[in-house]
Amino acid sequence: KPSTSILKTTKNDDSSESEDDTKPKKIKTCIK
């Protein structure tokens, strides 16, 4: 059942990125 794991990871990443993007947008841009 690797599909579920991948899906979960992707969802988690999306959530984390969304939260990060909401706060440290300037920092993220600087790092990138």
C-alpha atoms as a PDB file:
ATOM      1  CA  LYS A   1       0.000   0.000   0.000  1.00  0.00           C
ATOM      2  CA  PRO A   2       2.617   2.585  -1.017  1.00  0.00           C
ATOM      3  CA  SER A   3       0.043   4.699  -2.819  1.00  0.00           C
ATOM      4  CA  THR A   4      -1.645   5.693   0.442  1.00  0.00           C
ATOM      5  CA  SER A   5       1.700   6.550   2.002  1.00  0.00           C
ATOM      6  CA  ILE A   6       2.672   8.742  -0.943  1.00  0.00           C
ATOM      7  CA  LEU A   7      -0.722  10.423  -0.910  1.00  0.00           C
ATOM      8  CA  LYS A   8      -0.469  11.075   2.821  1.00  0.00           C
ATOM      9  CA  THR A   9       3.034  12.475   2.469  1.00  0.00           C
ATOM     10  CA  THR A  10       1.969  14.730  -0.367  1.00  0.00           C
ATOM     11  CA  LYS A  11      -0.992  16.002   1.626  1.00  0.00           C
ATOM     12  CA  ASN A  12       1.220  16.600   4.643  1.00  0.00           C
ATOM     13  CA  ASP A  13       3.774  18.433   2.527  1.00  0.00           C
ATOM     14  CA  ASP A  14       1.067  20.585   1.003  1.00  0.00           C
ATOM     15  CA  SER A  15      -0.267  21.499   4.443  1.00  0.00           C
ATOM     16  CA  SER A  16       3.203  22.270   5.772  1.00  0.00           C
ATOM     17  CA  GLU A  17       4.090  24.350   2.719  1.00  0.00           C
ATOM     18  CA  SER A  18       0.807  26.237   2.880  1.00  0.00           C
ATOM     19  CA  GLU A  19       1.364  27.086   6.546  1.00  0.00           C
ATOM     20  CA  ASP A  20       4.972  28.063   5.904  1.00  0.00           C
ATOM     21  CA  ASP A  21       3.984  30.180   2.937  1.00  0.00           C
ATOM     22  CA  THR A  22       1.426  32.031   5.049  1.00  0.00           C
ATOM     23  CA  LYS A  23       4.033  33.145   7.601  1.00  0.00           C
ATOM     24  CA  PRO A  24       7.623  33.306   6.337  1.00  0.00           C
ATOM     25  CA  LYS A  25       6.960  34.335   2.761  1.00  0.00           C
ATOM     26  CA  LYS A  26       9.858  36.786   2.666  1.00  0.00           C
ATOM     27  CA  ILE A  27      12.240  34.315   4.281  1.00  0.00           C
ATOM     28  CA  LYS A  28      11.217  31.575   1.833  1.00  0.00           C
ATOM     29  CA  THR A  29      11.804  33.884  -1.107  1.00  0.00           C
ATOM     30  CA  CYS A  30      15.200  34.847   0.290  1.00  0.00           C
ATOM     31  CA  ILE A  31      16.219  31.212   0.740  1.00  0.00           C
ATOM     32  CA  LYS A  32      14.992  30.375  -2.756  1.00  0.00           C
END
